[in-house]
C-alpha atoms as a PDB file:
ATOM      1  CA  UNK A   1      15.583 -22.785 -23.091  1.00  0.00           C
ATOM      2  CA  UNK A   2      13.479 -20.629 -20.729  1.00  0.00           C
ATOM      3  CA  UNK A   3      16.150 -17.909 -20.712  1.00  0.00           C
ATOM      4  CA  UNK A   4      16.126 -17.711 -24.503  1.00  0.00           C
ATOM      5  CA  UNK A   5      12.332 -17.446 -24.550  1.00  0.00           C
ATOM      6  CA  UNK A   6      12.443 -14.740 -21.846  1.00  0.00           C
ATOM      7  CA  UNK A   7      15.035 -12.762 -23.839  1.00  0.00           C
ATOM      8  CA  UNK A   8      13.022 -13.016 -27.064  1.00  0.00           C
ATOM      9  CA  UNK A   9       9.840 -12.049 -25.207  1.00  0.00           C
ATOM     10  CA  UNK A  10      11.571  -9.053 -23.658  1.00  0.00           C
ATOM     11  CA  UNK A  11      12.745  -7.997 -27.131  1.00  0.00           C
ATOM     12  CA  UNK A  12       9.153  -8.128 -28.370  1.00  0.00           C
ATOM     13  CA  UNK A  13       7.972  -6.183 -25.318  1.00  0.00           C
ATOM     14  CA  UNK A  14      10.695  -3.575 -25.914  1.00  0.00           C
ATOM     15  CA  UNK A  15       9.624  -3.150 -29.555  1.00  0.00           C
ATOM     16  CA  UNK A  16       5.942  -2.843 -28.632  1.00  0.00           C
ATOM     17  CA  UNK A  17       6.695  -0.396 -25.822  1.00  0.00           C
ATOM     18  CA  UNK A  18       8.876   1.731 -28.121  1.00  0.00           C
ATOM     19  CA  UNK A  19       6.014   1.809 -30.614  1.00  0.00           C
ATOM     20  CA  UNK A  20       3.518   2.891 -27.940  1.00  0.00           C
ATOM     21  CA  UNK A  21       5.629   5.431 -26.030  1.00  0.00           C
ATOM     22  CA  UNK A  22       6.259   8.737 -27.790  1.00  0.00           C
ATOM     23  CA  UNK A  23       9.887   9.790 -27.698  1.00  0.00           C
ATOM     24  CA  UNK A  24      11.322   6.267 -27.647  1.00  0.00           C
ATOM     25  CA  UNK A  25      12.966   4.791 -30.730  1.00  0.00           C
ATOM     26  CA  UNK A  26      14.369   1.300 -31.242  1.00  0.00           C
ATOM     27  CA  UNK A  27      15.964   0.588 -34.620  1.00  0.00           C
ATOM     28  CA  UNK A  28      15.063  -3.100 -34.844  1.00  0.00           C
ATOM     29  CA  UNK A  29      14.417  -6.385 -33.085  1.00  0.00           C
ATOM     30  CA  UNK A  30      18.121  -7.084 -32.521  1.00  0.00           C
ATOM     31  CA  UNK A  31      18.594  -3.680 -30.940  1.00  0.00           C
ATOM     32  CA  UNK A  32      15.491  -4.255 -28.798  1.00  0.00           C
ATOM     33  CA  UNK A  33      16.946  -7.537 -27.500  1.00  0.00           C
ATOM     34  CA  UNK A  34      20.319  -5.925 -26.764  1.00  0.00           C
ATOM     35  CA  UNK A  35      18.602  -2.975 -25.042  1.00  0.00           C
ATOM     36  CA  UNK A  36      16.493  -5.350 -22.918  1.00  0.00           C
ATOM     37  CA  UNK A  37      19.582  -7.348 -21.912  1.00  0.00           C
ATOM     38  CA  UNK A  38      21.554  -4.198 -21.090  1.00  0.00           C
ATOM     39  CA  UNK A  39      18.690  -2.751 -19.034  1.00  0.00           C
ATOM     40  CA  UNK A  40      18.470  -6.023 -17.098  1.00  0.00           C
ATOM     41  CA  UNK A  41      22.240  -6.088 -16.504  1.00  0.00           C
ATOM     42  CA  UNK A  42      22.442  -2.445 -15.417  1.00  0.00           C
ATOM     43  CA  UNK A  43      19.449  -2.906 -13.104  1.00  0.00           C
ATOM     44  CA  UNK A  44      21.037  -6.006 -11.588  1.00  0.00           C
ATOM     45  CA  UNK A  45      24.446  -4.391 -11.030  1.00  0.00           C
ATOM     46  CA  UNK A  46      24.530  -0.599 -10.853  1.00  0.00           C
ATOM     47  CA  UNK A  47      20.831  -0.385 -10.015  1.00  0.00           C
ATOM     48  CA  UNK A  48      21.226  -2.848  -7.153  1.00  0.00           C
ATOM     49  CA  UNK A  49      24.149  -0.884  -5.702  1.00  0.00           C
ATOM     50  CA  UNK A  50      22.178   2.368  -5.966  1.00  0.00           C
ATOM     51  CA  UNK A  51      19.138   0.764  -4.329  1.00  0.00           C
ATOM     52  CA  UNK A  52      21.242  -0.433  -1.400  1.00  0.00           C
ATOM     53  CA  UNK A  53      22.872   2.980  -0.981  1.00  0.00           C
ATOM     54  CA  UNK A  54      19.566   4.855  -1.220  1.00  0.00           C
ATOM     55  CA  UNK A  55      17.489   2.454   0.861  1.00  0.00           C
ATOM     56  CA  UNK A  56      16.450   5.111   3.428  1.00  0.00           C
ATOM     57  CA  UNK A  57      15.256   7.444   0.653  1.00  0.00           C
ATOM     58  CA  UNK A  58      13.365   4.564  -0.946  1.00  0.00           C
ATOM     59  CA  UNK A  59      11.573   3.870   2.329  1.00  0.00           C
ATOM     60  CA  UNK A  60      10.689   7.551   2.779  1.00  0.00           C
ATOM     61  CA  UNK A  61       9.278   7.758  -0.763  1.00  0.00           C
ATOM     62  CA  UNK A  62       7.406   4.425  -0.399  1.00  0.00           C
ATOM     63  CA  UNK A  63       9.425   2.795  -3.185  1.00  0.00           C
ATOM     64  CA  UNK A  64       9.146   5.600  -5.704  1.00  0.00           C
ATOM     65  CA  UNK A  65      12.889   6.245  -5.666  1.00  0.00           C
ATOM     66  CA  UNK A  66      13.491   2.660  -6.772  1.00  0.00           C
ATOM     67  CA  UNK A  67      11.420   3.457  -9.854  1.00  0.00           C
ATOM     68  CA  UNK A  68      13.566   6.555 -10.450  1.00  0.00           C
ATOM     69  CA  UNK A  69      16.659   4.354 -10.347  1.00  0.00           C
ATOM     70  CA  UNK A  70      15.106   2.072 -12.973  1.00  0.00           C
ATOM     71  CA  UNK A  71      14.441   5.098 -15.191  1.00  0.00           C
ATOM     72  CA  UNK A  72      18.046   6.210 -14.730  1.00  0.00           C
ATOM     73  CA  UNK A  73      19.224   2.745 -15.820  1.00  0.00           C
ATOM     74  CA  UNK A  74      17.131   3.077 -18.995  1.00  0.00           C
ATOM     75  CA  UNK A  75      18.743   6.457 -19.651  1.00  0.00           C
ATOM     76  CA  UNK A  76      22.174   4.909 -19.076  1.00  0.00           C
ATOM     77  CA  UNK A  77      21.454   2.228 -21.667  1.00  0.00           C
ATOM     78  CA  UNK A  78      20.215   4.979 -23.999  1.00  0.00           C
ATOM     79  CA  UNK A  79      23.628   6.639 -23.681  1.00  0.00           C
ATOM     80  CA  UNK A  80      25.507   3.358 -24.215  1.00  0.00           C
ATOM     81  CA  UNK A  81      23.598   1.842 -27.132  1.00  0.00           C
ATOM     82  CA  UNK A  82      23.248   3.232 -30.641  1.00  0.00           C
ATOM     83  CA  UNK A  83      19.836   2.447 -32.057  1.00  0.00           C
ATOM     84  CA  UNK A  84      17.989   2.887 -28.758  1.00  0.00           C
ATOM     85  CA  UNK A  85      16.942   6.450 -27.971  1.00  0.00           C
ATOM     86  CA  UNK A  86      14.674   8.125 -25.455  1.00  0.00           C
ATOM     87  CA  UNK A  87      13.640  11.772 -25.556  1.00  0.00           C
ATOM     88  CA  UNK A  88      14.441  12.280 -21.877  1.00  0.00           C
ATOM     89  CA  UNK A  89      13.471  11.364 -18.349  1.00  0.00           C
ATOM     90  CA  UNK A  90       9.703  11.383 -18.852  1.00  0.00           C
ATOM     91  CA  UNK A  91       9.855   9.215 -21.972  1.00  0.00           C
ATOM     92  CA  UNK A  92      12.082   6.751 -20.130  1.00  0.00           C
ATOM     93  CA  UNK A  93       9.687   6.798 -17.164  1.00  0.00           C
ATOM     94  CA  UNK A  94       6.701   6.067 -19.380  1.00  0.00           C
ATOM     95  CA  UNK A  95       8.714   3.327 -21.117  1.00  0.00           C
ATOM     96  CA  UNK A  96       9.472   1.722 -17.744  1.00  0.00           C
ATOM     97  CA  UNK A  97       5.783   1.783 -16.808  1.00  0.00           C
ATOM     98  CA  UNK A  98       4.658   0.318 -20.140  1.00  0.00           C
ATOM     99  CA  UNK A  99       7.324  -2.416 -19.978  1.00  0.00           C
ATOM    100  CA  UNK A 100       6.279  -3.339 -16.422  1.00  0.00           C
ATOM    101  CA  UNK A 101       2.623  -3.554 -17.432  1.00  0.00           C
ATOM    102  CA  UNK A 102       3.406  -5.638 -20.529  1.00  0.00           C
ATOM    103  CA  UNK A 103       5.649  -7.990 -18.561  1.00  0.00           C
ATOM    104  CA  UNK A 104       2.844  -8.481 -16.044  1.00  0.00           C
ATOM    105  CA  UNK A 105       0.318  -9.194 -18.786  1.00  0.00           C
ATOM    106  CA  UNK A 106       2.630 -11.649 -20.560  1.00  0.00           C
ATOM    107  CA  UNK A 107       3.458 -13.253 -17.201  1.00  0.00           C
ATOM    108  CA  UNK A 108      -0.223 -13.876 -16.442  1.00  0.00           C
ATOM    109  CA  UNK A 109      -0.818 -15.256 -19.951  1.00  0.00           C
ATOM    110  CA  UNK A 110       2.242 -17.522 -19.712  1.00  0.00           C
ATOM    111  CA  UNK A 111       1.101 -18.930 -16.336  1.00  0.00           C
ATOM    112  CA  UNK A 112      -2.318 -19.776 -17.768  1.00  0.00           C
ATOM    113  CA  UNK A 113      -0.814 -21.971 -20.505  1.00  0.00           C
END
């Protein structure tokens, strides 16, 4: 049940973030859920492999390169999924930041309940 709630919450976060970030478009709630799932899957698979391979660069950049990999995974999902579009690297980067902030806020609120 918790997984379903997390997926629905991530869909809502994706819709809100797309509304707030210029250059990001999500066609609907279903597309937002699919985009959130695909971003999570690509981060867990391809993103993990890239993070392992680029670990020295990540250390040298104090973790910033890991963020770049996350942005690249968002751009990959943009290329794979119709109905989810970003205007480029900077829009995807801002989307990643907004999603991270929203997830943190919702996480704090959920722990207080």
